[in-house]
Each structure stands twice: as C-alpha cells, then as structure tokens.
Amino acid sequence: MNPTYDEIVKANSLRGNEIKKTPLIHSPTFSELTGSDVYLKAEFRQKTGSFKIRGAYFKIKSLSDKEKKQGVVAASAGNHAQGVAFASSLEKIQCTIVMPKNASPAKVAATRGYGAKVILEGVNYDESSSKAKAIAKETGATMIHAFDDPQIIAAQGVIGIEILEDLPDVDEIYLPIGGGGLAAGTLIAIKEKNPQVRVIGVQSKSFPSMHDSIKQGSPTASGGGRTIADGISVKIPGQLTFAVIKELIDEIVLVDDVEITKAMFLLMERMKFVVEPAGAVSLAYLISKKPAIGKKVVLILAGGNVDMYLLGQIVDKGLAAMGRLLKLSILLPDRPGAFKEIVDEITLANANIVEVVHDRLSSQINAGSAGVTLSLETQGREQAELLIESLKKKNIQFTLLT
C-alpha cells in the first residue's frame, strides 16, 4: 500500500482533539537575517513536543481490536517513542519502545512517563529497529514504524495541508529529513494541491542517507558520524519514503552541527523558542546559505525535545560563535598586581568577567607563574577583537580558547 493524498485527508479528519493544528508564525527577525519572508511552522508545540505524534496517533487509531489486544512495539531515538507511547496510553494498549543506549535521558524519561516499557538497545535507530522487529515477531505485537508506513506518512502529510490553508502563496518549504516520513507526507500534500511550491529537505552532513540514496538511485546506507541532531540520524531511508521523495522532492541539502547550534541559539534568543537540533536544521540552512532571497518560505520546526545538558552547551557555543563569549587562557608572573593588569584591560574594554579559574599547581605551569582561564561576556565580535588587540599590545601571553 502506497501513501495517498486521500489517506492524508482521512488522517486530518480523524485527528480529534489530541492533535493540534500548530501555528504558522511570521518572523520579521529571520526574514531580515535571511533575505526571505520567513514563516515558522511550530510543530515543537505539538503534544509530546514533536510532529511524530501525528503519525503514531493515526496509525494506532487505525489498528483492529485484535491488533490492539496484542500491543505495539516501536523503535525510536525519542520523538516517535513519545508519540507511540502517548497514543497507546489513549487507547489503553500495551506498548514497548526500543531506544538507543545513547538516547537523551529526558526523552527516555518522557517515554516511560507515558506508560511505555522502554528497552535500551543499540547505538542508533537502525540497531534499535532490529531489536524492535525481533520483539514484534516473538510477541505478535504490531510494529509501529517511525517513518516507512503509509498511514504514518499520511498523517505527517497533514502538515502540508495546514501550511497551504494558512499560507496558500508560499514559494518554498524547508523541512528536516531523517527516515523521510515528514518529507514524504508533506510532499504528497503540497504537490497534489500546488506543484509549483518547491520543497527542500535538509539533512545532517553526518547522516546524509536520503541525499546519497537519491544520487545512487536506491536506498543506500550512509553516514554514522557524530551529530547533535539525533532525531534525523538514520543510516538507511525507508523504501516507501525513498520512492515518494525521489519522485517529488526539489532538492536535498546538508548542514553541520555548527550551523545547527547557531540556529538553535538564535531561536531561543530572538523567538524564545526551544527547538531540538533535528527540528532546527531548516533554519540552520536558510541562515547559513540564504538560498531564497525575496521568496516567501516556510520552515518546519519539527520538534522541541532537547536535553537540558545539551541546551546549556548550545547557549555557550552560540554566544562564542557570535563573539559574545570569549574564553582566554593566560600565563602570568605569580606576583601581586599581575592579575589586576588583566582586569584593568577587561574593564577598559567594557567586558564582563563570567568565570575565573586560577591555577598554580598544574605540571605545565612553571614555578613562579600562574595560569588563569577567563570566560568573558562581550557585546559582540568587534568588542572581543578590540580586547584581544589591547592584550597583545601589553605583551600579555594568552591563548584564545574560543
């Protein structure tokens, strides 16, 4: 069975009160920053924090009574897990979720919080999926695939219907691609109603599986590097999703973790939106490449389930990337007043000391010297560069850590 536009319409009619029509929010900030007229599709505001609840809900609602009695099993790095767990709790059916061992603790806890039994197996989606399939075969439970299922694809496609309802004259839509369920469903909906709208998929450079598969002409294993975008870390795209995307997609592009980090930081600072790495890749590409100047574009912010520890790093790295957080390692003579000279230069530059680490004991520091690591808050890159130049003029030995 192939996913169809009629099935998307059916999924839209059966979503009930649990699945929200998420807002499409115009952003003057990102419009100015990218040269495009930017609208943000806020799927991170969906129940369970991501678009994945759409597919899970429709699929589980469509199961027969016999299938519901046998329970369901799924594999996921987190968002599909929470969607399946929540939908299963609504139907009061048994649910087992297999998650990678390195899954976000917050996503594991949230999945268990919805009543699912969680098994940690493998180090990525594909290894977890193998375990889930084995459980389904052994127990008779229905496998709820994260993306390669016609009903899952159809329900994600409702997002395309919503976009055209709210912005019928959209020129381009940018969306994340992992396994391809969101992209395939959205493509079917958009191209059915307005084939002139360009749809661009965005993948992590560490997991370019759909990008490479389309180049090869068939689903191909690709990627496996480290990335913060765990939600789209899929090595092999689905058969159904590949077929749809190969036929309908206009372009697939790639972004790296540095670009994703900047996008997440700007979403927090400028829009007060907490969006996870996989959910922010569309904005990451638009900011870094500015590919749609003068066009009306929609960016699908697919999820907001980000680990709090990672969030702290994103803030620090975002500030550093914009020149607003400066970290220096300085070697000083161990005498009274030596550190004051540094502080005076910082004061003159109107920078703020955030953290000081003073070290006399490390083996790499010679007797009679002291090492000081400073974290400084500045107003921007220009101010940071002025401070660096003033330290150089004073012949102060330092190493720039950011």
Protein backbone atom coordinates (compact mmCIF):
# COMPACT_ATOMS: atom_id res chain seq x y z
CA MET A 1 0.00 0.00 0.00
CA ASN A 2 1.36 3.39 -1.04
CA PRO A 3 0.59 6.62 0.84
CA THR A 4 -2.01 8.77 -0.95
CA TYR A 5 -3.50 12.24 -0.73
CA ASP A 6 -6.90 10.70 0.15
CA GLU A 7 -5.28 8.98 3.15
CA ILE A 8 -3.84 12.34 4.25
CA VAL A 9 -7.34 13.85 4.12
CA LYS A 10 -8.62 10.89 6.16
CA ALA A 11 -5.88 11.37 8.78
CA ASN A 12 -6.82 15.03 9.00
CA SER A 13 -10.48 14.17 9.64
CA LEU A 14 -9.69 11.59 12.36
CA ARG A 15 -7.19 13.50 14.47
CA GLY A 16 -9.67 14.51 17.16
CA ASN A 17 -8.75 16.96 19.93
CA GLU A 18 -5.39 15.40 20.77
CA ILE A 19 -3.56 16.51 17.60
CA LYS A 20 -3.21 20.27 17.26
CA LYS A 21 -3.17 22.39 14.17
CA THR A 22 0.13 24.08 15.01
CA PRO A 23 0.57 27.81 14.34
CA LEU A 24 2.42 29.28 11.37
CA ILE A 25 4.35 32.21 12.81
CA HIS A 26 5.84 35.03 10.74
CA SER A 27 9.33 36.05 11.86
CA PRO A 28 10.50 39.57 10.96
CA THR A 29 13.84 38.76 12.64
CA PHE A 30 14.67 35.75 10.48
CA SER A 31 13.18 37.44 7.41
CA GLU A 32 15.69 40.25 7.80
CA LEU A 33 18.52 37.85 8.63
CA THR A 34 17.98 35.62 5.58
CA GLY A 35 16.52 37.99 2.99
CA SER A 36 13.41 35.79 2.73
CA ASP A 37 9.87 36.26 4.03
CA VAL A 38 10.08 33.61 6.76
CA TYR A 39 7.24 31.69 8.41
CA LEU A 40 7.88 29.11 11.13
CA LYS A 41 5.64 26.03 11.38
CA ALA A 42 5.73 25.38 15.13
CA GLU A 43 5.49 21.56 15.32
CA PHE A 44 7.54 21.67 18.53
CA ARG A 45 4.33 22.91 20.20
CA GLN A 46 2.56 19.67 19.33
CA LYS A 47 1.59 17.27 22.11
CA THR A 48 4.71 15.24 23.13
CA GLY A 49 6.85 18.02 21.66
CA SER A 50 7.07 16.95 18.02
CA PHE A 51 5.19 16.21 14.79
CA LYS A 52 5.70 12.46 15.40
CA ILE A 53 2.50 12.23 17.46
CA ARG A 54 0.52 12.81 14.25
CA GLY A 55 1.63 9.57 12.59
CA ALA A 56 1.63 7.49 15.76
CA TYR A 57 -1.89 8.59 16.70
CA PHE A 58 -3.41 7.87 13.27
CA LYS A 59 -1.66 4.51 12.94
CA ILE A 60 -2.70 3.27 16.38
CA LYS A 61 -6.26 4.58 15.94
CA SER A 62 -6.46 2.53 12.74
CA LEU A 63 -5.49 -0.80 14.36
CA SER A 64 -8.10 -3.55 14.67
CA ASP A 65 -9.35 -4.63 18.10
CA LYS A 66 -7.30 -7.83 17.78
CA GLU A 67 -4.13 -5.87 16.98
CA LYS A 68 -4.72 -3.55 19.92
CA LYS A 69 -5.02 -6.53 22.28
CA GLN A 70 -1.61 -7.82 21.14
CA GLY A 71 0.02 -4.45 21.82
CA VAL A 72 2.51 -2.42 19.83
CA VAL A 73 6.28 -2.08 19.62
CA ALA A 74 8.40 0.69 18.11
CA ALA A 75 12.00 1.83 17.77
CA SER A 76 12.95 5.47 18.16
CA ALA A 77 15.63 7.88 19.36
CA GLY A 78 12.91 9.74 21.24
CA ASN A 79 10.16 11.66 19.44
CA HIS A 80 8.44 8.73 17.73
CA ALA A 81 8.80 6.86 21.03
CA GLN A 82 6.85 9.51 22.90
CA GLY A 83 4.22 9.71 20.17
CA VAL A 84 3.62 5.95 20.17
CA ALA A 85 3.64 5.80 23.98
CA PHE A 86 1.11 8.64 24.29
CA ALA A 87 -1.18 7.29 21.56
CA SER A 88 -1.03 3.82 23.16
CA SER A 89 -1.98 5.26 26.54
CA LEU A 90 -5.07 6.88 24.97
CA GLU A 91 -6.13 3.51 23.56
CA LYS A 92 -5.09 1.69 26.76
CA ILE A 93 -2.92 -0.82 24.91
CA GLN A 94 0.44 -2.35 25.87
CA CYS A 95 3.42 -0.53 24.39
CA THR A 96 7.13 -1.45 24.18
CA ILE A 97 9.67 1.06 22.90
CA VAL A 98 13.25 0.20 21.93
CA MET A 99 15.58 3.21 22.17
CA PRO A 100 19.33 3.55 21.51
CA LYS A 101 21.55 3.30 24.58
CA ASN A 102 22.73 6.85 23.96
CA ALA A 103 19.21 8.30 23.71
CA SER A 104 18.54 11.53 25.55
CA PRO A 105 17.71 10.76 29.22
CA ALA A 106 14.93 13.33 29.03
CA LYS A 107 13.33 11.53 26.07
CA VAL A 108 13.67 8.14 27.79
CA ALA A 109 12.06 9.51 30.96
CA ALA A 110 9.23 11.15 28.99
CA THR A 111 8.52 7.91 27.09
CA ARG A 112 8.33 5.94 30.33
CA GLY A 113 6.15 8.72 31.74
CA TYR A 114 3.53 7.97 29.07
CA GLY A 115 3.38 4.39 30.34
CA ALA A 116 5.58 2.55 27.83
CA LYS A 117 8.05 -0.21 28.64
CA VAL A 118 11.44 1.07 27.44
CA ILE A 119 14.28 -1.20 26.31
CA LEU A 120 17.68 0.36 25.59
CA GLU A 121 19.37 -1.50 22.73
CA GLY A 122 21.92 -0.45 20.09
CA VAL A 123 23.69 2.83 19.47
CA ASN A 124 21.48 4.21 16.67
CA TYR A 125 17.98 3.92 15.22
CA ASP A 126 18.80 1.06 12.88
CA GLU A 127 20.16 -1.19 15.65
CA SER A 128 17.17 -0.37 17.87
CA SER A 129 14.83 -1.13 14.98
CA SER A 130 16.31 -4.62 14.56
CA LYS A 131 15.55 -5.36 18.21
CA ALA A 132 12.01 -3.99 17.91
CA LYS A 133 11.32 -6.20 14.88
CA ALA A 134 12.53 -9.24 16.83
CA ILE A 135 10.17 -8.39 19.71
CA ALA A 136 7.25 -7.96 17.30
CA LYS A 137 7.95 -11.35 15.72
CA GLU A 138 8.25 -13.04 19.11
CA THR A 139 5.17 -11.48 20.78
CA GLY A 140 2.80 -10.78 17.89
CA ALA A 141 2.78 -7.08 18.72
CA THR A 142 2.26 -4.66 15.83
CA MET A 143 5.40 -2.84 14.74
CA ILE A 144 4.77 0.90 14.54
CA HIS A 145 7.45 2.05 12.14
CA ALA A 146 8.88 5.51 12.69
CA PHE A 147 8.55 6.54 9.04
CA ASP A 148 8.18 3.71 6.49
CA ASP A 149 4.44 3.12 6.81
CA PRO A 150 1.69 4.58 4.56
CA GLN A 151 -0.51 5.68 7.47
CA ILE A 152 2.41 7.25 9.34
CA ILE A 153 3.41 9.11 6.17
CA ALA A 154 -0.18 10.22 5.51
CA ALA A 155 -0.66 11.68 8.98
CA GLN A 156 2.58 13.65 8.74
CA GLY A 157 1.29 14.96 5.43
CA VAL A 158 -1.48 16.84 7.23
CA ILE A 159 1.22 19.42 7.97
CA GLY A 160 1.27 20.20 4.25
CA ILE A 161 -2.49 20.75 4.23
CA GLU A 162 -2.19 23.11 7.20
CA ILE A 163 0.58 25.13 5.57
CA LEU A 164 -1.45 25.69 2.39
CA GLU A 165 -4.52 26.63 4.43
CA ASP A 166 -2.58 29.30 6.30
CA LEU A 167 -0.22 30.46 3.52
CA PRO A 168 -1.55 29.48 0.08
CA ASP A 169 1.02 31.63 -1.75
CA VAL A 170 4.09 30.01 -0.16
CA ASP A 171 7.05 29.71 -2.55
CA GLU A 172 9.30 27.21 -0.74
CA ILE A 173 9.09 24.81 2.21
CA TYR A 174 12.17 23.61 4.09
CA LEU A 175 11.90 20.52 6.29
CA PRO A 176 14.19 18.02 8.05
CA ILE A 177 14.74 14.54 6.63
CA GLY A 178 15.78 11.53 8.69
CA GLY A 179 13.90 8.43 7.57
CA GLY A 180 11.68 10.62 5.40
CA GLY A 181 8.16 10.27 6.83
CA LEU A 182 7.62 14.01 7.33
CA ALA A 183 9.08 14.86 3.92
CA ALA A 184 7.14 12.17 2.04
CA GLY A 185 3.79 13.09 3.58
CA THR A 186 4.30 16.82 3.16
CA LEU A 187 5.41 16.35 -0.45
CA ILE A 188 2.29 14.35 -1.35
CA ALA A 189 0.03 17.01 0.18
CA ILE A 190 1.83 20.00 -1.29
CA LYS A 191 2.41 18.66 -4.80
CA GLU A 192 -1.21 17.46 -5.06
CA LYS A 193 -2.57 20.95 -4.41
CA ASN A 194 0.20 23.17 -5.79
CA PRO A 195 3.07 21.52 -7.69
CA GLN A 196 4.77 24.91 -8.14
CA VAL A 197 5.73 25.07 -4.44
CA ARG A 198 9.36 23.97 -4.03
CA VAL A 199 10.04 21.55 -1.16
CA ILE A 200 13.63 21.30 0.08
CA GLY A 201 14.78 18.60 2.50
CA VAL A 202 17.59 19.25 4.98
CA GLN A 203 19.85 16.54 6.41
CA SER A 204 22.83 16.43 8.74
CA LYS A 205 26.19 16.07 6.98
CA SER A 206 26.85 13.19 9.39
CA PHE A 207 23.78 11.24 8.18
CA PRO A 208 23.11 12.18 4.52
CA SER A 209 21.31 8.91 3.79
CA MET A 210 18.39 10.23 1.70
CA HIS A 211 20.66 12.69 -0.10
CA ASP A 212 23.08 9.92 -1.04
CA SER A 213 20.34 7.38 -1.80
CA ILE A 214 18.76 9.65 -4.39
CA LYS A 215 22.16 10.14 -6.00
CA GLN A 216 22.63 6.35 -6.10
CA GLY A 217 19.09 5.68 -7.31
CA SER A 218 18.12 3.31 -4.48
CA PRO A 219 18.04 3.29 -0.63
CA THR A 220 21.67 3.26 0.43
CA ALA A 221 23.34 3.10 3.84
CA SER A 222 25.18 6.33 4.52
CA GLY A 223 26.59 8.25 7.46
CA GLY A 224 27.31 7.29 11.02
CA GLY A 225 29.37 10.19 12.31
CA ARG A 226 28.72 12.14 15.48
CA THR A 227 25.99 14.78 15.38
CA ILE A 228 23.79 16.61 17.87
CA ALA A 229 20.83 16.03 15.52
CA ASP A 230 19.93 12.57 16.82
CA GLY A 231 16.34 12.86 15.61
CA ILE A 232 17.46 12.60 11.95
CA SER A 233 20.36 10.18 12.47
CA VAL A 234 19.06 7.46 10.16
CA LYS A 235 21.55 5.38 8.14
CA ILE A 236 19.09 3.87 5.63
CA PRO A 237 15.91 5.63 4.45
CA GLY A 238 12.65 3.75 4.12
CA GLN A 239 11.53 2.09 0.88
CA LEU A 240 8.19 3.93 0.78
CA THR A 241 9.64 7.28 1.81
CA PHE A 242 12.51 6.97 -0.68
CA ALA A 243 10.11 6.29 -3.57
CA VAL A 244 7.97 9.34 -2.76
CA ILE A 245 10.87 11.68 -2.08
CA LYS A 246 12.82 10.60 -5.15
CA GLU A 247 9.84 11.42 -7.35
CA LEU A 248 8.68 14.67 -5.73
CA ILE A 249 11.50 16.41 -3.84
CA ASP A 250 13.01 19.52 -5.43
CA GLU A 251 16.33 19.41 -3.57
CA ILE A 252 18.09 17.89 -0.56
CA VAL A 253 20.78 19.95 1.20
CA LEU A 254 23.14 19.35 4.12
CA VAL A 255 24.09 21.26 7.29
CA ASP A 256 26.68 20.70 10.01
CA ASP A 257 26.48 20.89 13.81
CA VAL A 258 27.98 24.39 13.95
CA GLU A 259 25.18 25.72 11.72
CA ILE A 260 22.55 23.83 13.74
CA THR A 261 23.91 25.21 17.02
CA LYS A 262 23.68 28.78 15.73
CA ALA A 263 20.09 28.26 14.57
CA MET A 264 19.04 26.79 17.93
CA PHE A 265 20.69 29.67 19.77
CA LEU A 266 19.00 32.32 17.62
CA LEU A 267 15.61 30.62 18.00
CA MET A 268 16.00 30.81 21.77
CA GLU A 269 17.32 34.34 21.91
CA ARG A 270 15.22 36.01 19.22
CA MET A 271 11.97 33.99 19.25
CA LYS A 272 12.05 32.42 22.75
CA PHE A 273 11.58 29.03 21.02
CA VAL A 274 13.30 25.93 22.40
CA VAL A 275 13.79 23.69 19.35
CA GLU A 276 15.82 20.49 19.25
CA PRO A 277 18.73 20.07 16.80
CA ALA A 278 16.83 17.95 14.26
CA GLY A 279 13.97 20.45 14.41
CA ALA A 280 16.21 23.43 13.69
CA VAL A 281 18.05 22.19 10.57
CA SER A 282 15.78 24.05 8.14
CA LEU A 283 16.56 27.38 9.76
CA ALA A 284 20.23 26.40 10.00
CA TYR A 285 20.40 26.02 6.23
CA LEU A 286 18.46 29.19 5.48
CA ILE A 287 20.67 31.30 7.77
CA SER A 288 23.96 29.84 6.55
CA LYS A 289 23.25 29.79 2.80
CA LYS A 290 20.46 32.40 2.27
CA PRO A 291 19.10 30.43 -0.72
CA ALA A 292 15.65 32.02 -1.06
CA ILE A 293 16.15 35.79 -1.12
CA GLY A 294 12.88 37.60 -1.80
CA LYS A 295 10.78 34.43 -1.53
CA LYS A 296 8.02 33.50 0.88
CA VAL A 297 9.27 30.43 2.75
CA VAL A 298 8.02 28.08 5.48
CA LEU A 299 10.44 26.34 7.81
CA ILE A 300 9.09 23.30 9.65
CA LEU A 301 10.44 23.34 13.22
CA ALA A 302 9.82 19.65 13.74
CA GLY A 303 10.41 19.13 17.48
CA GLY A 304 11.38 20.68 20.79
CA ASN A 305 12.60 17.74 22.89
CA VAL A 306 16.13 18.86 23.65
CA ASP A 307 18.29 17.55 26.50
CA MET A 308 18.85 20.22 29.17
CA TYR A 309 22.59 19.49 29.37
CA LEU A 310 22.90 19.99 25.63
CA LEU A 311 20.87 23.17 25.89
CA GLY A 312 23.46 24.70 28.23
CA GLN A 313 26.21 23.89 25.73
CA ILE A 314 24.17 25.39 22.89
CA VAL A 315 23.89 28.69 24.78
CA ASP A 316 27.64 28.84 25.47
CA LYS A 317 28.64 27.79 21.95
CA GLY A 318 26.10 30.15 20.41
CA LEU A 319 27.46 33.08 22.39
CA ALA A 320 31.03 32.10 21.47
CA ALA A 321 30.19 31.76 17.76
CA MET A 322 28.76 35.30 17.78
CA GLY A 323 31.79 36.70 19.57
CA ARG A 324 29.83 37.40 22.75
CA LEU A 325 31.58 34.83 24.93
CA LEU A 326 35.37 34.96 24.97
CA LYS A 327 37.47 32.34 26.73
CA LEU A 328 41.17 33.02 27.32
CA SER A 329 43.99 31.08 28.95
CA ILE A 330 46.61 33.49 30.32
CA LEU A 331 50.05 32.80 31.83
CA LEU A 332 51.01 35.40 34.48
CA PRO A 333 54.01 36.03 36.71
CA ASP A 334 52.98 34.92 40.20
CA ARG A 335 53.30 38.30 41.89
CA PRO A 336 50.93 40.83 43.46
CA GLY A 337 49.18 43.06 40.95
CA ALA A 338 49.78 40.88 37.89
CA PHE A 339 46.13 39.87 37.58
CA LYS A 340 44.98 43.46 38.16
CA GLU A 341 46.65 44.49 34.89
CA ILE A 342 44.45 41.99 33.08
CA VAL A 343 41.31 43.12 34.90
CA ASP A 344 42.08 46.75 34.04
CA GLU A 345 42.23 45.90 30.33
CA ILE A 346 38.95 43.99 30.57
CA THR A 347 37.35 46.96 32.36
CA LEU A 348 38.57 49.40 29.70
CA ALA A 349 37.08 47.16 27.02
CA ASN A 350 33.74 47.19 28.89
CA ALA A 351 33.68 43.37 29.02
CA ASN A 352 32.24 41.37 31.89
CA ILE A 353 34.04 38.54 33.73
CA VAL A 354 31.77 35.49 33.89
CA GLU A 355 34.21 32.94 35.35
CA VAL A 356 37.81 32.84 36.63
CA VAL A 357 39.89 29.68 37.14
CA HIS A 358 43.28 30.31 38.82
CA ASP A 359 45.90 27.54 38.63
CA ARG A 360 49.40 27.37 40.19
CA LEU A 361 49.74 23.59 40.53
CA SER A 362 49.38 22.05 37.06
CA SER A 363 52.54 20.38 35.75
CA GLN A 364 52.66 22.54 32.61
CA ILE A 365 52.88 25.74 34.68
CA ASN A 366 56.40 26.69 35.70
CA ALA A 367 57.27 27.69 39.26
CA GLY A 368 56.86 31.43 39.70
CA SER A 369 53.96 31.55 37.24
CA ALA A 370 50.21 31.21 37.48
CA GLY A 371 47.65 30.14 34.89
CA VAL A 372 44.34 31.95 34.68
CA THR A 373 41.41 30.89 32.49
CA LEU A 374 38.88 33.67 31.95
CA SER A 375 35.39 33.49 30.50
CA LEU A 376 34.29 36.95 29.40
CA GLU A 377 30.97 38.30 28.20
CA THR A 378 31.28 40.90 25.44
CA GLN A 379 28.79 42.89 23.38
CA GLY A 380 29.89 41.26 20.14
CA ARG A 381 32.75 40.24 17.89
CA GLU A 382 34.05 43.80 17.39
CA GLN A 383 34.40 44.40 21.12
CA ALA A 384 36.05 40.99 21.60
CA GLU A 385 38.62 41.75 18.90
CA LEU A 386 39.44 45.13 20.46
CA LEU A 387 40.12 43.43 23.80
CA ILE A 388 42.37 40.84 22.15
CA GLU A 389 44.37 43.60 20.45
CA SER A 390 44.79 45.52 23.72
CA LEU A 391 46.14 42.40 25.47
CA LYS A 392 48.62 41.83 22.65
CA LYS A 393 49.86 45.43 22.91
CA LYS A 394 50.52 44.88 26.63
CA ASN A 395 52.61 41.78 25.72
CA ILE A 396 50.35 39.60 27.81
CA GLN A 397 50.78 35.90 26.98
CA PHE A 398 47.42 34.26 26.29
CA THR A 399 45.78 31.50 24.28
CA LEU A 400 42.37 32.04 22.72
CA LEU A 401 40.11 29.09 23.64
CA THR A 402 37.00 30.26 21.73
